[in-house]
N, C-alpha and C. Protein backbone atom coordinates (compact mmCIF):
# COMPACT_ATOMS: atom_id res chain seq x y z
N LEU A 1 7.90 11.23 -15.27
CA LEU A 1 8.00 9.76 -15.30
C LEU A 1 6.68 9.14 -14.85
N LEU A 2 6.18 8.22 -15.65
CA LEU A 2 5.08 7.34 -15.22
C LEU A 2 5.67 5.94 -15.12
N LEU A 3 5.78 5.42 -13.92
CA LEU A 3 6.33 4.08 -13.70
C LEU A 3 5.18 3.12 -13.44
N LEU A 4 5.01 2.15 -14.33
CA LEU A 4 3.89 1.22 -14.25
C LEU A 4 4.31 -0.04 -13.50
N LEU A 5 3.49 -0.43 -12.53
CA LEU A 5 3.76 -1.61 -11.70
C LEU A 5 2.60 -2.59 -11.84
N HIS A 6 2.87 -3.73 -12.46
CA HIS A 6 1.83 -4.70 -12.77
C HIS A 6 1.37 -5.49 -11.55
N GLY A 7 0.35 -6.30 -11.75
CA GLY A 7 -0.21 -7.11 -10.68
C GLY A 7 0.46 -8.47 -10.55
N TYR A 8 0.05 -9.22 -9.54
CA TYR A 8 0.58 -10.55 -9.24
C TYR A 8 0.33 -11.50 -10.42
N GLY A 9 1.39 -12.21 -10.83
CA GLY A 9 1.24 -13.21 -11.88
C GLY A 9 1.19 -12.63 -13.28
N SER A 10 1.53 -11.36 -13.42
CA SER A 10 1.51 -10.71 -14.72
C SER A 10 2.94 -10.34 -15.10
N ASN A 11 3.10 -9.38 -16.02
CA ASN A 11 4.44 -8.91 -16.39
C ASN A 11 4.36 -7.47 -16.90
N GLU A 12 5.52 -6.97 -17.31
CA GLU A 12 5.61 -5.54 -17.67
C GLU A 12 4.81 -5.17 -18.91
N ALA A 13 4.44 -6.17 -19.73
CA ALA A 13 3.67 -5.86 -20.95
C ALA A 13 2.21 -5.53 -20.63
N ASP A 14 1.73 -5.97 -19.48
CA ASP A 14 0.31 -5.85 -19.13
C ASP A 14 -0.16 -4.39 -19.14
N LEU A 15 0.35 -3.59 -18.24
CA LEU A 15 -0.09 -2.19 -18.15
C LEU A 15 0.45 -1.35 -19.30
N PHE A 16 1.54 -1.80 -19.92
CA PHE A 16 2.14 -1.02 -21.01
C PHE A 16 1.21 -0.93 -22.21
N SER A 17 0.20 -1.80 -22.23
CA SER A 17 -0.75 -1.80 -23.35
C SER A 17 -1.47 -0.46 -23.50
N PHE A 18 -1.63 0.29 -22.41
CA PHE A 18 -2.28 1.60 -22.55
C PHE A 18 -1.31 2.77 -22.50
N ALA A 19 -0.03 2.48 -22.65
CA ALA A 19 0.98 3.55 -22.60
C ALA A 19 0.76 4.60 -23.69
N ALA A 20 0.35 4.16 -24.88
CA ALA A 20 0.17 5.09 -25.99
C ALA A 20 -0.94 6.10 -25.72
N GLU A 21 -1.85 5.76 -24.80
CA GLU A 21 -2.97 6.65 -24.48
C GLU A 21 -2.63 7.67 -23.40
N LEU A 22 -1.45 7.54 -22.81
CA LEU A 22 -1.07 8.44 -21.71
C LEU A 22 -0.46 9.73 -22.26
N PRO A 23 -0.46 10.79 -21.46
CA PRO A 23 0.06 12.08 -21.94
C PRO A 23 1.48 11.98 -22.49
N ASP A 24 1.72 12.66 -23.60
CA ASP A 24 2.99 12.55 -24.34
C ASP A 24 4.21 13.06 -23.58
N GLU A 25 3.99 13.99 -22.66
CA GLU A 25 5.15 14.64 -22.04
C GLU A 25 5.85 13.75 -21.01
N TYR A 26 5.32 12.57 -20.75
CA TYR A 26 5.91 11.67 -19.75
C TYR A 26 6.81 10.61 -20.39
N TYR A 27 7.86 10.23 -19.67
CA TYR A 27 8.52 8.97 -19.93
C TYR A 27 7.61 7.90 -19.31
N VAL A 28 7.24 6.90 -20.09
CA VAL A 28 6.41 5.81 -19.56
C VAL A 28 7.27 4.56 -19.53
N ILE A 29 7.51 4.05 -18.33
CA ILE A 29 8.36 2.87 -18.15
C ILE A 29 7.58 1.84 -17.34
N SER A 30 7.57 0.62 -17.85
CA SER A 30 6.86 -0.46 -17.17
C SER A 30 7.88 -1.42 -16.56
N ALA A 31 7.77 -1.66 -15.27
CA ALA A 31 8.73 -2.49 -14.55
C ALA A 31 8.25 -3.94 -14.46
N ARG A 32 9.21 -4.86 -14.44
CA ARG A 32 8.89 -6.27 -14.22
C ARG A 32 9.21 -6.61 -12.76
N ALA A 33 8.28 -7.24 -12.07
CA ALA A 33 8.49 -7.63 -10.68
C ALA A 33 9.64 -8.64 -10.58
N PRO A 34 10.31 -8.71 -9.43
CA PRO A 34 11.53 -9.51 -9.32
C PRO A 34 11.34 -11.02 -9.14
N TYR A 35 10.18 -11.46 -8.69
CA TYR A 35 10.02 -12.88 -8.38
C TYR A 35 9.37 -13.61 -9.54
N ASP A 36 10.14 -14.54 -10.14
CA ASP A 36 9.72 -15.27 -11.34
C ASP A 36 8.80 -16.42 -10.96
N MET A 37 7.58 -16.40 -11.50
CA MET A 37 6.60 -17.47 -11.26
C MET A 37 6.53 -18.42 -12.45
N GLN A 38 7.44 -18.24 -13.42
CA GLN A 38 7.54 -19.03 -14.64
C GLN A 38 6.43 -18.69 -15.64
N TYR A 39 6.68 -19.06 -16.88
CA TYR A 39 5.73 -18.85 -17.99
C TYR A 39 5.35 -17.37 -18.17
N GLY A 40 6.32 -16.48 -17.97
CA GLY A 40 6.07 -15.06 -18.19
C GLY A 40 5.31 -14.37 -17.09
N SER A 41 5.20 -15.03 -15.94
CA SER A 41 4.47 -14.45 -14.80
C SER A 41 5.46 -14.04 -13.71
N TYR A 42 5.20 -12.88 -13.10
CA TYR A 42 6.09 -12.37 -12.06
C TYR A 42 5.27 -11.80 -10.91
N ALA A 43 5.91 -11.72 -9.74
CA ALA A 43 5.23 -11.18 -8.56
C ALA A 43 6.17 -10.25 -7.81
N TRP A 44 5.57 -9.27 -7.15
CA TRP A 44 6.34 -8.38 -6.28
C TRP A 44 6.60 -9.05 -4.94
N TYR A 45 5.74 -9.98 -4.57
CA TYR A 45 5.95 -10.81 -3.37
C TYR A 45 5.02 -12.01 -3.46
N ALA A 46 5.39 -13.05 -2.73
CA ALA A 46 4.61 -14.29 -2.77
C ALA A 46 3.31 -14.15 -1.99
N ILE A 47 2.29 -14.83 -2.49
CA ILE A 47 1.02 -14.97 -1.77
C ILE A 47 0.85 -16.45 -1.50
N ASN A 48 0.77 -16.81 -0.22
CA ASN A 48 0.71 -18.22 0.17
C ASN A 48 -0.63 -18.56 0.80
N PHE A 49 -0.93 -19.85 0.81
CA PHE A 49 -2.17 -20.34 1.41
C PHE A 49 -1.84 -21.39 2.46
N ASP A 50 -2.54 -21.34 3.59
CA ASP A 50 -2.33 -22.38 4.60
C ASP A 50 -3.32 -23.52 4.36
N ALA A 51 -3.33 -24.50 5.26
CA ALA A 51 -4.17 -25.69 5.08
C ALA A 51 -5.65 -25.35 5.01
N ASP A 52 -6.05 -24.25 5.63
CA ASP A 52 -7.46 -23.84 5.62
C ASP A 52 -7.77 -22.86 4.48
N GLN A 53 -6.84 -22.75 3.55
CA GLN A 53 -7.00 -21.84 2.40
C GLN A 53 -7.03 -20.37 2.79
N ASN A 54 -6.49 -20.05 3.95
CA ASN A 54 -6.32 -18.64 4.31
C ASN A 54 -5.13 -18.09 3.54
N LYS A 55 -5.29 -16.89 3.01
CA LYS A 55 -4.26 -16.28 2.17
C LYS A 55 -3.40 -15.36 3.01
N PHE A 56 -2.08 -15.44 2.84
CA PHE A 56 -1.22 -14.47 3.52
C PHE A 56 -0.05 -14.10 2.62
N SER A 57 0.41 -12.87 2.79
CA SER A 57 1.44 -12.31 1.92
C SER A 57 2.81 -12.40 2.58
N ASP A 58 3.84 -12.51 1.77
CA ASP A 58 5.21 -12.52 2.26
C ASP A 58 5.68 -11.07 2.40
N HIS A 59 5.54 -10.54 3.61
CA HIS A 59 5.85 -9.13 3.84
C HIS A 59 7.33 -8.81 3.67
N ASP A 60 8.20 -9.78 3.97
CA ASP A 60 9.63 -9.53 3.80
C ASP A 60 9.97 -9.33 2.33
N GLN A 61 9.39 -10.18 1.47
CA GLN A 61 9.60 -10.01 0.03
C GLN A 61 9.03 -8.67 -0.44
N ALA A 62 7.87 -8.30 0.10
CA ALA A 62 7.24 -7.04 -0.30
C ALA A 62 8.13 -5.85 0.06
N LYS A 63 8.76 -5.90 1.22
CA LYS A 63 9.64 -4.79 1.63
C LYS A 63 10.88 -4.71 0.74
N VAL A 64 11.40 -5.87 0.34
CA VAL A 64 12.54 -5.89 -0.59
C VAL A 64 12.12 -5.24 -1.91
N SER A 65 10.94 -5.61 -2.41
CA SER A 65 10.45 -5.02 -3.67
C SER A 65 10.22 -3.52 -3.52
N ARG A 66 9.68 -3.12 -2.38
CA ARG A 66 9.47 -1.68 -2.12
C ARG A 66 10.78 -0.91 -2.29
N ASP A 67 11.84 -1.42 -1.69
CA ASP A 67 13.13 -0.73 -1.75
C ASP A 67 13.77 -0.84 -3.14
N LEU A 68 13.53 -1.97 -3.83
CA LEU A 68 14.01 -2.11 -5.21
C LEU A 68 13.39 -1.05 -6.11
N ILE A 69 12.09 -0.83 -5.95
CA ILE A 69 11.39 0.17 -6.77
C ILE A 69 11.94 1.56 -6.48
N ALA A 70 12.16 1.87 -5.20
CA ALA A 70 12.72 3.18 -4.84
C ALA A 70 14.10 3.36 -5.48
N GLY A 71 14.91 2.31 -5.46
CA GLY A 71 16.23 2.37 -6.10
C GLY A 71 16.14 2.50 -7.60
N PHE A 72 15.14 1.84 -8.19
CA PHE A 72 14.92 1.90 -9.64
C PHE A 72 14.56 3.31 -10.08
N ILE A 73 13.75 4.00 -9.25
CA ILE A 73 13.41 5.40 -9.55
C ILE A 73 14.69 6.24 -9.62
N ASP A 74 15.60 6.03 -8.65
CA ASP A 74 16.87 6.77 -8.65
C ASP A 74 17.67 6.48 -9.92
N GLU A 75 17.73 5.19 -10.31
CA GLU A 75 18.46 4.80 -11.53
C GLU A 75 17.88 5.48 -12.77
N LEU A 76 16.56 5.49 -12.86
CA LEU A 76 15.91 6.10 -14.02
C LEU A 76 16.20 7.59 -14.11
N ILE A 77 16.19 8.27 -12.96
CA ILE A 77 16.46 9.71 -12.93
C ILE A 77 17.90 10.00 -13.35
N GLN A 78 18.83 9.08 -12.97
CA GLN A 78 20.23 9.26 -13.34
C GLN A 78 20.47 8.95 -14.82
N THR A 79 19.64 8.06 -15.39
CA THR A 79 19.85 7.58 -16.76
C THR A 79 19.15 8.42 -17.81
N TYR A 80 17.97 8.92 -17.49
CA TYR A 80 17.15 9.67 -18.45
C TYR A 80 16.90 11.09 -17.94
N PRO A 81 16.59 12.03 -18.85
CA PRO A 81 16.31 13.41 -18.41
C PRO A 81 14.92 13.53 -17.79
N ILE A 82 14.76 12.88 -16.65
CA ILE A 82 13.48 12.84 -15.94
C ILE A 82 13.50 13.88 -14.82
N ASP A 83 12.43 14.63 -14.70
CA ASP A 83 12.30 15.60 -13.62
C ASP A 83 11.99 14.85 -12.32
N PRO A 84 12.90 14.88 -11.34
CA PRO A 84 12.66 14.15 -10.09
C PRO A 84 11.47 14.67 -9.29
N GLU A 85 10.97 15.86 -9.69
CA GLU A 85 9.80 16.43 -9.02
C GLU A 85 8.50 16.00 -9.69
N LYS A 86 8.60 15.15 -10.72
CA LYS A 86 7.40 14.71 -11.46
C LYS A 86 7.43 13.21 -11.67
N VAL A 87 7.41 12.48 -10.57
CA VAL A 87 7.43 11.01 -10.63
C VAL A 87 6.08 10.48 -10.17
N THR A 88 5.47 9.67 -11.03
CA THR A 88 4.16 9.08 -10.74
C THR A 88 4.25 7.56 -10.82
N LEU A 89 3.72 6.89 -9.82
CA LEU A 89 3.60 5.43 -9.85
C LEU A 89 2.18 5.08 -10.25
N ILE A 90 2.03 4.17 -11.21
CA ILE A 90 0.72 3.67 -11.61
C ILE A 90 0.72 2.17 -11.37
N GLY A 91 -0.05 1.72 -10.39
CA GLY A 91 -0.04 0.31 -10.03
C GLY A 91 -1.41 -0.32 -10.13
N PHE A 92 -1.40 -1.60 -10.48
CA PHE A 92 -2.63 -2.39 -10.50
C PHE A 92 -2.48 -3.56 -9.53
N SER A 93 -3.47 -3.74 -8.66
CA SER A 93 -3.53 -4.87 -7.73
C SER A 93 -2.26 -4.88 -6.85
N GLN A 94 -1.46 -5.94 -6.94
CA GLN A 94 -0.25 -5.99 -6.11
C GLN A 94 0.67 -4.81 -6.41
N GLY A 95 0.67 -4.37 -7.67
CA GLY A 95 1.47 -3.19 -8.03
C GLY A 95 0.99 -1.93 -7.35
N SER A 96 -0.31 -1.83 -7.09
CA SER A 96 -0.82 -0.64 -6.39
C SER A 96 -0.51 -0.72 -4.89
N ILE A 97 -0.52 -1.92 -4.33
CA ILE A 97 -0.16 -2.10 -2.92
C ILE A 97 1.29 -1.65 -2.72
N LEU A 98 2.16 -2.03 -3.67
CA LEU A 98 3.56 -1.59 -3.62
C LEU A 98 3.68 -0.09 -3.86
N SER A 99 2.85 0.46 -4.73
CA SER A 99 2.89 1.91 -5.00
C SER A 99 2.62 2.70 -3.72
N TYR A 100 1.60 2.28 -2.98
CA TYR A 100 1.32 2.94 -1.69
C TYR A 100 2.54 2.83 -0.77
N ALA A 101 3.12 1.64 -0.68
CA ALA A 101 4.24 1.41 0.24
C ALA A 101 5.45 2.26 -0.14
N VAL A 102 5.75 2.36 -1.43
CA VAL A 102 6.88 3.18 -1.88
C VAL A 102 6.61 4.66 -1.57
N ALA A 103 5.41 5.12 -1.90
CA ALA A 103 5.08 6.55 -1.73
C ALA A 103 5.11 6.97 -0.26
N LEU A 104 4.61 6.12 0.63
CA LEU A 104 4.60 6.48 2.05
C LEU A 104 5.98 6.33 2.68
N SER A 105 6.78 5.39 2.16
CA SER A 105 8.13 5.18 2.69
C SER A 105 9.13 6.19 2.13
N TYR A 106 8.91 6.59 0.88
CA TYR A 106 9.84 7.49 0.18
C TYR A 106 9.09 8.64 -0.50
N PRO A 107 8.37 9.46 0.26
CA PRO A 107 7.57 10.52 -0.38
C PRO A 107 8.41 11.57 -1.10
N GLU A 108 9.70 11.62 -0.78
CA GLU A 108 10.58 12.56 -1.48
C GLU A 108 10.87 12.10 -2.91
N LYS A 109 10.59 10.82 -3.22
CA LYS A 109 10.85 10.27 -4.55
C LYS A 109 9.61 10.24 -5.44
N VAL A 110 8.42 10.35 -4.84
CA VAL A 110 7.17 10.15 -5.58
C VAL A 110 6.22 11.31 -5.29
N GLN A 111 5.65 11.88 -6.34
CA GLN A 111 4.69 12.98 -6.14
C GLN A 111 3.24 12.54 -6.34
N LYS A 112 3.05 11.54 -7.22
CA LYS A 112 1.68 11.10 -7.50
C LYS A 112 1.62 9.58 -7.59
N VAL A 113 0.47 9.05 -7.18
CA VAL A 113 0.21 7.60 -7.27
C VAL A 113 -1.16 7.40 -7.87
N VAL A 114 -1.25 6.48 -8.83
CA VAL A 114 -2.53 5.97 -9.31
C VAL A 114 -2.58 4.52 -8.85
N ALA A 115 -3.49 4.22 -7.92
CA ALA A 115 -3.57 2.89 -7.31
C ALA A 115 -4.91 2.25 -7.68
N MET A 116 -4.85 1.27 -8.59
CA MET A 116 -6.07 0.61 -9.07
C MET A 116 -6.18 -0.79 -8.50
N SER A 117 -7.34 -1.08 -7.93
CA SER A 117 -7.66 -2.42 -7.43
C SER A 117 -6.66 -2.92 -6.39
N GLY A 118 -6.29 -2.03 -5.48
CA GLY A 118 -5.38 -2.40 -4.41
C GLY A 118 -5.83 -1.79 -3.09
N TYR A 119 -4.94 -1.79 -2.11
CA TYR A 119 -5.26 -1.21 -0.81
C TYR A 119 -3.95 -0.87 -0.11
N LEU A 120 -4.02 -0.08 0.93
CA LEU A 120 -2.85 0.30 1.71
C LEU A 120 -2.58 -0.76 2.77
N ASN A 121 -1.40 -1.39 2.68
CA ASN A 121 -0.97 -2.37 3.68
C ASN A 121 0.17 -1.74 4.47
N LEU A 122 -0.14 -1.24 5.67
CA LEU A 122 0.86 -0.53 6.47
C LEU A 122 1.98 -1.44 6.95
N GLU A 123 1.77 -2.76 6.89
CA GLU A 123 2.81 -3.70 7.34
C GLU A 123 4.01 -3.73 6.41
N ILE A 124 3.87 -3.21 5.19
CA ILE A 124 5.02 -3.20 4.28
C ILE A 124 5.54 -1.78 4.03
N VAL A 125 5.03 -0.82 4.78
CA VAL A 125 5.53 0.55 4.73
C VAL A 125 6.69 0.65 5.72
N SER A 126 7.66 1.53 5.47
CA SER A 126 8.80 1.65 6.37
C SER A 126 8.34 1.97 7.79
N ASP A 127 9.08 1.45 8.77
CA ASP A 127 8.68 1.57 10.17
C ASP A 127 8.52 3.02 10.62
N ASP A 128 9.34 3.90 10.06
CA ASP A 128 9.34 5.30 10.52
C ASP A 128 8.59 6.24 9.57
N TYR A 129 7.63 5.69 8.83
CA TYR A 129 6.94 6.51 7.80
C TYR A 129 6.21 7.71 8.39
N LEU A 130 5.79 7.63 9.66
CA LEU A 130 5.05 8.75 10.26
C LEU A 130 5.91 10.00 10.41
N LYS A 131 7.23 9.83 10.32
CA LYS A 131 8.13 10.99 10.38
C LYS A 131 8.21 11.72 9.04
N ASN A 132 7.68 11.09 8.00
CA ASN A 132 7.78 11.66 6.66
C ASN A 132 6.80 12.81 6.45
N THR A 133 7.10 13.63 5.46
CA THR A 133 6.24 14.74 5.06
C THR A 133 5.56 14.37 3.75
N PHE A 134 4.23 14.51 3.72
CA PHE A 134 3.46 14.09 2.55
C PHE A 134 2.79 15.26 1.83
N ASN A 135 3.32 16.48 2.05
CA ASN A 135 2.69 17.68 1.48
C ASN A 135 2.55 17.63 -0.03
N ASN A 136 3.51 16.99 -0.70
CA ASN A 136 3.53 16.99 -2.17
C ASN A 136 2.92 15.74 -2.78
N LEU A 137 2.37 14.86 -1.95
CA LEU A 137 1.87 13.58 -2.45
C LEU A 137 0.37 13.65 -2.76
N LYS A 138 0.03 13.23 -3.98
CA LYS A 138 -1.38 13.18 -4.40
C LYS A 138 -1.66 11.77 -4.91
N ILE A 139 -2.84 11.26 -4.55
CA ILE A 139 -3.17 9.87 -4.90
C ILE A 139 -4.55 9.78 -5.53
N PHE A 140 -4.62 9.02 -6.62
CA PHE A 140 -5.90 8.64 -7.24
C PHE A 140 -6.05 7.14 -7.01
N ALA A 141 -7.08 6.74 -6.29
CA ALA A 141 -7.32 5.32 -6.01
C ALA A 141 -8.66 4.91 -6.58
N SER A 142 -8.72 3.69 -7.09
CA SER A 142 -9.98 3.20 -7.65
C SER A 142 -10.12 1.71 -7.39
N HIS A 143 -11.38 1.26 -7.42
CA HIS A 143 -11.64 -0.15 -7.12
C HIS A 143 -12.97 -0.57 -7.75
N GLY A 144 -13.05 -1.83 -8.11
CA GLY A 144 -14.29 -2.40 -8.62
C GLY A 144 -15.18 -2.87 -7.48
N THR A 145 -16.45 -2.53 -7.53
CA THR A 145 -17.36 -2.92 -6.44
C THR A 145 -17.63 -4.42 -6.42
N SER A 146 -17.33 -5.11 -7.53
CA SER A 146 -17.55 -6.57 -7.59
C SER A 146 -16.23 -7.34 -7.57
N ASP A 147 -15.18 -6.72 -7.06
CA ASP A 147 -13.86 -7.36 -7.05
C ASP A 147 -13.87 -8.59 -6.14
N GLN A 148 -13.56 -9.76 -6.72
CA GLN A 148 -13.52 -11.01 -5.96
C GLN A 148 -12.10 -11.35 -5.50
N VAL A 149 -11.11 -10.61 -5.97
CA VAL A 149 -9.71 -10.89 -5.63
C VAL A 149 -9.27 -10.07 -4.41
N ILE A 150 -9.50 -8.77 -4.48
CA ILE A 150 -9.23 -7.87 -3.34
C ILE A 150 -10.55 -7.18 -3.01
N PRO A 151 -11.15 -7.53 -1.88
CA PRO A 151 -12.48 -6.98 -1.55
C PRO A 151 -12.48 -5.45 -1.52
N VAL A 152 -13.56 -4.89 -2.04
CA VAL A 152 -13.67 -3.43 -2.07
C VAL A 152 -13.65 -2.85 -0.65
N ALA A 153 -14.07 -3.63 0.33
CA ALA A 153 -14.04 -3.17 1.73
C ALA A 153 -12.62 -2.82 2.17
N TRP A 154 -11.63 -3.57 1.67
CA TRP A 154 -10.23 -3.26 2.02
C TRP A 154 -9.84 -1.91 1.43
N ALA A 155 -10.23 -1.68 0.18
CA ALA A 155 -9.89 -0.42 -0.49
C ALA A 155 -10.57 0.77 0.19
N ARG A 156 -11.79 0.56 0.67
CA ARG A 156 -12.55 1.66 1.28
C ARG A 156 -11.93 2.17 2.58
N LYS A 157 -11.08 1.37 3.21
CA LYS A 157 -10.42 1.79 4.44
C LYS A 157 -9.25 2.75 4.16
N THR A 158 -8.74 2.69 2.94
CA THR A 158 -7.52 3.42 2.60
C THR A 158 -7.67 4.94 2.62
N PRO A 159 -8.73 5.54 2.02
CA PRO A 159 -8.80 7.01 1.97
C PRO A 159 -8.71 7.68 3.34
N ALA A 160 -9.39 7.15 4.34
CA ALA A 160 -9.37 7.79 5.67
C ALA A 160 -7.97 7.78 6.26
N ILE A 161 -7.24 6.68 6.08
CA ILE A 161 -5.87 6.60 6.60
C ILE A 161 -5.00 7.66 5.92
N LEU A 162 -5.15 7.78 4.61
CA LEU A 162 -4.34 8.75 3.86
C LEU A 162 -4.71 10.19 4.22
N GLU A 163 -6.01 10.44 4.37
CA GLU A 163 -6.46 11.79 4.75
C GLU A 163 -5.90 12.18 6.12
N ASN A 164 -5.83 11.22 7.04
CA ASN A 164 -5.28 11.50 8.37
C ASN A 164 -3.79 11.86 8.30
N LEU A 165 -3.13 11.42 7.24
CA LEU A 165 -1.72 11.76 7.04
C LEU A 165 -1.57 13.08 6.27
N GLY A 166 -2.71 13.69 5.91
CA GLY A 166 -2.68 14.95 5.17
C GLY A 166 -2.44 14.78 3.69
N ILE A 167 -2.71 13.58 3.17
CA ILE A 167 -2.48 13.29 1.75
C ILE A 167 -3.74 13.59 0.95
N ASP A 168 -3.54 14.24 -0.19
CA ASP A 168 -4.62 14.57 -1.12
C ASP A 168 -5.03 13.29 -1.85
N ILE A 169 -6.23 12.78 -1.57
CA ILE A 169 -6.68 11.49 -2.11
C ILE A 169 -8.00 11.65 -2.87
N THR A 170 -8.03 11.13 -4.08
CA THR A 170 -9.27 11.01 -4.86
C THR A 170 -9.59 9.53 -4.94
N TYR A 171 -10.79 9.14 -4.53
CA TYR A 171 -11.16 7.71 -4.53
C TYR A 171 -12.44 7.51 -5.33
N LYS A 172 -12.40 6.54 -6.25
CA LYS A 172 -13.57 6.25 -7.09
C LYS A 172 -13.80 4.75 -7.16
N GLU A 173 -15.09 4.40 -7.32
CA GLU A 173 -15.46 2.99 -7.50
C GLU A 173 -16.18 2.83 -8.83
N TYR A 174 -16.06 1.62 -9.38
CA TYR A 174 -16.68 1.30 -10.67
C TYR A 174 -17.38 -0.05 -10.56
N PRO A 175 -18.47 -0.25 -11.30
CA PRO A 175 -19.25 -1.50 -11.19
C PRO A 175 -18.61 -2.64 -11.99
N ILE A 176 -17.39 -3.00 -11.59
CA ILE A 176 -16.67 -4.07 -12.27
C ILE A 176 -16.01 -4.98 -11.25
N GLY A 177 -15.35 -6.04 -11.75
CA GLY A 177 -14.59 -6.94 -10.89
C GLY A 177 -13.16 -6.45 -10.75
N HIS A 178 -12.22 -7.42 -10.78
CA HIS A 178 -10.80 -7.10 -10.58
C HIS A 178 -10.20 -6.71 -11.93
N GLY A 179 -10.33 -5.45 -12.28
CA GLY A 179 -9.83 -4.99 -13.58
C GLY A 179 -9.92 -3.49 -13.67
N VAL A 180 -9.63 -2.98 -14.87
CA VAL A 180 -9.66 -1.53 -15.11
C VAL A 180 -10.73 -1.24 -16.16
N ALA A 181 -11.80 -0.61 -15.74
CA ALA A 181 -12.88 -0.24 -16.66
C ALA A 181 -12.42 0.94 -17.52
N PRO A 182 -12.96 1.06 -18.75
CA PRO A 182 -12.60 2.22 -19.59
C PRO A 182 -12.80 3.55 -18.87
N GLN A 183 -13.91 3.68 -18.13
CA GLN A 183 -14.16 4.93 -17.42
C GLN A 183 -13.10 5.18 -16.36
N ASN A 184 -12.62 4.11 -15.72
CA ASN A 184 -11.55 4.21 -14.73
C ASN A 184 -10.29 4.77 -15.39
N PHE A 185 -9.96 4.25 -16.57
CA PHE A 185 -8.78 4.72 -17.29
C PHE A 185 -8.91 6.21 -17.63
N TYR A 186 -10.06 6.60 -18.17
CA TYR A 186 -10.25 8.01 -18.54
C TYR A 186 -10.23 8.91 -17.32
N ASP A 187 -10.78 8.43 -16.20
CA ASP A 187 -10.79 9.25 -14.98
C ASP A 187 -9.37 9.48 -14.46
N PHE A 188 -8.57 8.43 -14.42
CA PHE A 188 -7.22 8.64 -13.89
C PHE A 188 -6.35 9.43 -14.87
N LYS A 189 -6.60 9.25 -16.17
CA LYS A 189 -5.87 10.03 -17.17
C LYS A 189 -6.19 11.52 -17.01
N ASN A 190 -7.48 11.85 -16.84
CA ASN A 190 -7.88 13.24 -16.62
C ASN A 190 -7.31 13.78 -15.32
N TRP A 191 -7.28 12.92 -14.30
CA TRP A 191 -6.70 13.31 -13.00
C TRP A 191 -5.23 13.66 -13.17
N LEU A 192 -4.51 12.85 -13.95
CA LEU A 192 -3.09 13.14 -14.20
C LEU A 192 -2.91 14.49 -14.88
N VAL A 193 -3.75 14.75 -15.89
CA VAL A 193 -3.66 16.02 -16.62
C VAL A 193 -3.98 17.19 -15.69
N ASP A 194 -5.00 17.02 -14.84
CA ASP A 194 -5.40 18.09 -13.93
C ASP A 194 -4.36 18.35 -12.84
N HIS A 195 -3.51 17.36 -12.56
CA HIS A 195 -2.54 17.49 -11.47
C HIS A 195 -1.10 17.58 -11.98
N THR A 196 -0.93 18.05 -13.22
CA THR A 196 0.45 18.20 -13.72
C THR A 196 1.06 19.49 -13.20
């Protein structure tokens, strides 16, 4: 299973555009985030601004989405002939932030994560995640060095945290903004093939 999780203000069609390029042996399913922003836009959680234009995330909504995704994985495994030992989350931006949260909170449900243009936010990971075992978890993370939406400095903090948890992490940067460069796509596709 490759479960695609889109970014803030997007929808399930966004990442599905490259589904045809992914390895054939996977079920590729693209999820729609639960919070409707109207006009075909959805979010995994709200991002709010205060009077000084400081940005802050709705962590309670993020935790609800985290658990919804975990439940959705269970539903998919019950509905389709999916190998529960071969579940990969592919997230972009807010979708990658949620991918990290699901994988660290429910490592028994997820074996691989591709996290593009996001970062690890421990505030939305389950409180007892340190009790979990991450032996089977592998992560490919990538970020644009010119990202104006999520600073690359936030992404650069993630690998060390994951390594300290004993997680196999591959981290790459590309000379782009908040997006997925062709080389980024080919690198994570090759990573998936190498880690099947």
